[in-house]
Amino acid sequence: MRYAVLNGESMKIAENSKRRWKTIQLPEELLERVDVVVTAPELGYTSRAEFIKEAVRLRVESMERILKERADRGSNPSRSTSKHSK
């Protein structure tokens, strides 16, 4: 069993070796917040999974940009970049 943290929430990640998908457990309160978003038809989500995949993808892309900027600054210290907040 592996663990991950998303927005300060600890999650268990159960690995299923028969497929390339992983199962995670999220706190009930967080899932309730996700459900509010998913059930708003004007936002266009059809399932929790669809919303959570997009949310994780967007967060990972954001963190990858931050890591790239840090690496770029390390190799070119004269370059200035903006600070990021969470």
N, C-alpha and C. Protein backbone atom coordinates (compact mmCIF):
# COMPACT_ATOMS: atom_id res chain seq x y z
N MET A 1 0.86 -1.18 0.00
CA MET A 1 0.00 0.00 0.00
C MET A 1 0.90 1.23 0.00
N ARG A 2 0.59 2.17 -0.89
CA ARG A 2 1.32 3.43 -0.94
C ARG A 2 0.39 4.54 -0.48
N TYR A 3 0.99 5.67 -0.12
CA TYR A 3 0.21 6.81 0.34
C TYR A 3 0.59 8.04 -0.47
N ALA A 4 -0.35 8.95 -0.65
CA ALA A 4 -0.10 10.20 -1.34
C ALA A 4 -0.85 11.30 -0.61
N VAL A 5 -0.50 12.54 -0.90
CA VAL A 5 -1.18 13.68 -0.28
C VAL A 5 -1.69 14.58 -1.40
N LEU A 6 -2.98 14.96 -1.34
CA LEU A 6 -3.59 15.86 -2.30
C LEU A 6 -4.25 16.97 -1.52
N ASN A 7 -3.80 18.20 -1.74
CA ASN A 7 -4.36 19.36 -1.03
C ASN A 7 -4.38 19.13 0.48
N GLY A 8 -3.31 18.58 1.02
CA GLY A 8 -3.21 18.38 2.45
C GLY A 8 -3.94 17.17 2.98
N GLU A 9 -4.62 16.43 2.10
CA GLU A 9 -5.38 15.26 2.52
C GLU A 9 -4.58 14.01 2.20
N SER A 10 -4.39 13.15 3.20
CA SER A 10 -3.68 11.90 2.98
C SER A 10 -4.61 10.89 2.31
N MET A 11 -4.08 10.17 1.33
CA MET A 11 -4.87 9.18 0.60
C MET A 11 -4.12 7.87 0.55
N LYS A 12 -4.82 6.77 0.70
CA LYS A 12 -4.23 5.46 0.47
C LYS A 12 -4.37 5.15 -1.01
N ILE A 13 -3.33 4.58 -1.59
CA ILE A 13 -3.37 4.18 -2.99
C ILE A 13 -3.19 2.67 -3.04
N ALA A 14 -4.25 1.97 -3.43
CA ALA A 14 -4.20 0.52 -3.56
C ALA A 14 -3.84 0.19 -5.00
N GLU A 15 -2.88 -0.67 -5.21
CA GLU A 15 -2.46 -1.02 -6.55
C GLU A 15 -3.16 -2.28 -7.01
N ASN A 16 -3.69 -2.23 -8.22
CA ASN A 16 -4.34 -3.37 -8.82
C ASN A 16 -3.44 -3.82 -9.96
N SER A 17 -2.81 -4.99 -9.82
CA SER A 17 -1.81 -5.42 -10.79
C SER A 17 -2.42 -5.92 -12.10
N LYS A 18 -3.74 -6.15 -12.16
CA LYS A 18 -4.36 -6.67 -13.37
C LYS A 18 -4.65 -5.58 -14.40
N ARG A 19 -4.67 -4.33 -14.01
CA ARG A 19 -4.92 -3.24 -14.94
C ARG A 19 -4.04 -2.06 -14.59
N ARG A 20 -4.04 -1.08 -15.45
CA ARG A 20 -3.17 0.07 -15.26
C ARG A 20 -3.84 1.19 -14.50
N TRP A 21 -4.89 0.92 -13.81
CA TRP A 21 -5.60 1.90 -12.98
C TRP A 21 -5.29 1.64 -11.52
N LYS A 22 -5.30 2.67 -10.73
CA LYS A 22 -5.08 2.57 -9.29
C LYS A 22 -6.33 3.04 -8.57
N THR A 23 -6.57 2.52 -7.41
CA THR A 23 -7.70 2.93 -6.59
C THR A 23 -7.18 3.77 -5.44
N ILE A 24 -7.86 4.87 -5.16
CA ILE A 24 -7.48 5.70 -4.03
C ILE A 24 -8.67 5.87 -3.10
N GLN A 25 -8.38 6.16 -1.86
CA GLN A 25 -9.41 6.47 -0.89
C GLN A 25 -9.27 7.93 -0.52
N LEU A 26 -10.39 8.64 -0.55
CA LEU A 26 -10.40 10.05 -0.20
C LEU A 26 -11.32 10.25 1.00
N PRO A 27 -11.04 11.25 1.81
CA PRO A 27 -11.92 11.53 2.94
C PRO A 27 -13.34 11.83 2.44
N GLU A 28 -14.32 11.40 3.18
CA GLU A 28 -15.71 11.57 2.79
C GLU A 28 -16.06 13.05 2.55
N GLU A 29 -15.52 13.93 3.40
CA GLU A 29 -15.80 15.35 3.26
C GLU A 29 -15.30 15.90 1.92
N LEU A 30 -14.15 15.42 1.47
CA LEU A 30 -13.62 15.86 0.19
C LEU A 30 -14.48 15.33 -0.95
N LEU A 31 -14.91 14.08 -0.84
CA LEU A 31 -15.78 13.51 -1.87
C LEU A 31 -17.11 14.25 -1.94
N GLU A 32 -17.61 14.68 -0.81
CA GLU A 32 -18.85 15.45 -0.81
C GLU A 32 -18.67 16.76 -1.58
N ARG A 33 -17.52 17.38 -1.43
CA ARG A 33 -17.23 18.62 -2.16
C ARG A 33 -17.11 18.34 -3.66
N VAL A 34 -16.48 17.22 -4.00
CA VAL A 34 -16.38 16.81 -5.41
C VAL A 34 -17.77 16.58 -5.98
N ASP A 35 -18.63 15.92 -5.21
CA ASP A 35 -19.98 15.63 -5.68
C ASP A 35 -20.77 16.89 -5.98
N VAL A 36 -20.56 17.94 -5.20
CA VAL A 36 -21.24 19.21 -5.46
C VAL A 36 -20.85 19.73 -6.85
N VAL A 37 -19.58 19.65 -7.16
CA VAL A 37 -19.10 20.11 -8.47
C VAL A 37 -19.64 19.22 -9.58
N VAL A 38 -19.54 17.91 -9.40
CA VAL A 38 -19.93 16.96 -10.44
C VAL A 38 -21.43 17.04 -10.74
N THR A 39 -22.24 17.31 -9.73
CA THR A 39 -23.68 17.34 -9.95
C THR A 39 -24.19 18.68 -10.48
N ALA A 40 -23.29 19.64 -10.67
CA ALA A 40 -23.69 20.92 -11.28
C ALA A 40 -23.61 20.75 -12.80
N PRO A 41 -24.75 20.58 -13.47
CA PRO A 41 -24.74 20.26 -14.90
C PRO A 41 -24.02 21.30 -15.76
N GLU A 42 -24.04 22.55 -15.34
CA GLU A 42 -23.41 23.59 -16.15
C GLU A 42 -21.89 23.46 -16.21
N LEU A 43 -21.30 22.66 -15.30
CA LEU A 43 -19.85 22.47 -15.31
C LEU A 43 -19.41 21.34 -16.23
N GLY A 44 -20.35 20.49 -16.63
CA GLY A 44 -20.06 19.50 -17.66
C GLY A 44 -19.40 18.20 -17.23
N TYR A 45 -19.27 17.96 -15.95
CA TYR A 45 -18.67 16.70 -15.51
C TYR A 45 -19.74 15.61 -15.45
N THR A 46 -19.34 14.39 -15.80
CA THR A 46 -20.29 13.28 -15.80
C THR A 46 -20.04 12.28 -14.68
N SER A 47 -18.88 12.40 -14.02
CA SER A 47 -18.58 11.45 -12.95
C SER A 47 -17.51 12.01 -12.02
N ARG A 48 -17.43 11.42 -10.83
CA ARG A 48 -16.35 11.76 -9.90
C ARG A 48 -15.00 11.49 -10.56
N ALA A 49 -14.90 10.32 -11.18
CA ALA A 49 -13.62 9.91 -11.78
C ALA A 49 -13.15 10.92 -12.81
N GLU A 50 -14.06 11.39 -13.65
CA GLU A 50 -13.70 12.38 -14.67
C GLU A 50 -13.16 13.65 -14.02
N PHE A 51 -13.85 14.14 -13.00
CA PHE A 51 -13.42 15.35 -12.32
C PHE A 51 -12.08 15.15 -11.62
N ILE A 52 -11.94 14.05 -10.89
CA ILE A 52 -10.72 13.81 -10.12
C ILE A 52 -9.52 13.62 -11.05
N LYS A 53 -9.69 12.92 -12.17
CA LYS A 53 -8.59 12.77 -13.13
C LYS A 53 -8.14 14.12 -13.65
N GLU A 54 -9.12 14.98 -13.99
CA GLU A 54 -8.75 16.31 -14.49
C GLU A 54 -8.08 17.15 -13.41
N ALA A 55 -8.61 17.09 -12.19
CA ALA A 55 -8.03 17.87 -11.09
C ALA A 55 -6.59 17.44 -10.81
N VAL A 56 -6.35 16.15 -10.79
CA VAL A 56 -4.99 15.65 -10.53
C VAL A 56 -4.07 16.01 -11.68
N ARG A 57 -4.55 15.84 -12.92
CA ARG A 57 -3.73 16.18 -14.09
C ARG A 57 -3.33 17.65 -14.06
N LEU A 58 -4.29 18.53 -13.78
CA LEU A 58 -3.99 19.96 -13.74
C LEU A 58 -3.00 20.29 -12.63
N ARG A 59 -3.15 19.67 -11.47
CA ARG A 59 -2.23 19.92 -10.35
C ARG A 59 -0.82 19.42 -10.66
N VAL A 60 -0.74 18.24 -11.27
CA VAL A 60 0.58 17.70 -11.64
C VAL A 60 1.24 18.60 -12.67
N GLU A 61 0.49 19.06 -13.66
CA GLU A 61 1.06 19.98 -14.66
C GLU A 61 1.57 21.25 -14.00
N SER A 62 0.82 21.77 -13.04
CA SER A 62 1.24 22.97 -12.33
C SER A 62 2.54 22.73 -11.56
N MET A 63 2.64 21.61 -10.88
CA MET A 63 3.85 21.30 -10.12
C MET A 63 5.03 21.05 -11.05
N GLU A 64 4.78 20.43 -12.20
CA GLU A 64 5.86 20.21 -13.17
C GLU A 64 6.40 21.54 -13.69
N ARG A 65 5.49 22.52 -13.93
CA ARG A 65 5.96 23.85 -14.37
C ARG A 65 6.84 24.49 -13.30
N ILE A 66 6.43 24.39 -12.05
CA ILE A 66 7.22 24.96 -10.95
C ILE A 66 8.59 24.30 -10.89
N LEU A 67 8.62 22.98 -10.99
CA LEU A 67 9.91 22.27 -10.96
C LEU A 67 10.79 22.67 -12.13
N LYS A 68 10.19 22.82 -13.31
CA LYS A 68 10.97 23.23 -14.48
C LYS A 68 11.54 24.64 -14.28
N GLU A 69 10.71 25.55 -13.75
CA GLU A 69 11.19 26.91 -13.51
C GLU A 69 12.33 26.92 -12.51
N ARG A 70 12.23 26.11 -11.48
CA ARG A 70 13.32 26.03 -10.49
C ARG A 70 14.59 25.50 -11.14
N ALA A 71 14.43 24.47 -11.97
CA ALA A 71 15.60 23.90 -12.65
C ALA A 71 16.21 24.92 -13.60
N ASP A 72 15.36 25.66 -14.31
CA ASP A 72 15.85 26.69 -15.23
C ASP A 72 16.60 27.78 -14.47
N ARG A 73 16.08 28.19 -13.32
CA ARG A 73 16.76 29.21 -12.50
C ARG A 73 18.10 28.69 -12.02
N GLY A 74 18.15 27.42 -11.68
CA GLY A 74 19.40 26.84 -11.20
C GLY A 74 20.47 26.83 -12.27
N SER A 75 20.06 26.64 -13.53
CA SER A 75 21.04 26.62 -14.62
C SER A 75 21.27 28.00 -15.21
N ASN A 76 20.37 28.97 -14.89
CA ASN A 76 20.51 30.34 -15.39
C ASN A 76 20.02 31.30 -14.30
N PRO A 77 20.85 31.56 -13.29
CA PRO A 77 20.42 32.35 -12.13
C PRO A 77 20.00 33.77 -12.45
N SER A 78 20.37 34.33 -13.60
CA SER A 78 20.00 35.70 -13.91
C SER A 78 18.55 35.81 -14.35
N ARG A 79 17.92 34.71 -14.65
CA ARG A 79 16.52 34.71 -15.09
C ARG A 79 15.60 34.92 -13.90
N SER A 80 14.62 35.79 -14.04
CA SER A 80 13.70 36.01 -12.94
C SER A 80 12.36 35.33 -13.27
N THR A 81 11.75 34.74 -12.24
CA THR A 81 10.43 34.11 -12.40
C THR A 81 9.54 34.55 -11.27
N SER A 82 8.26 34.42 -11.48
CA SER A 82 7.30 34.83 -10.44
C SER A 82 7.21 33.76 -9.36
N LYS A 83 6.80 34.18 -8.17
CA LYS A 83 6.60 33.25 -7.07
C LYS A 83 5.24 32.60 -7.23
N HIS A 84 5.14 31.36 -6.75
CA HIS A 84 3.88 30.61 -6.84
C HIS A 84 3.31 30.42 -5.46
N SER A 85 2.02 30.55 -5.34
CA SER A 85 1.35 30.28 -4.08
C SER A 85 0.40 29.13 -4.27
N LYS A 86 0.08 28.46 -3.17
CA LYS A 86 -0.83 27.32 -3.23
C LYS A 86 -2.24 27.76 -3.02
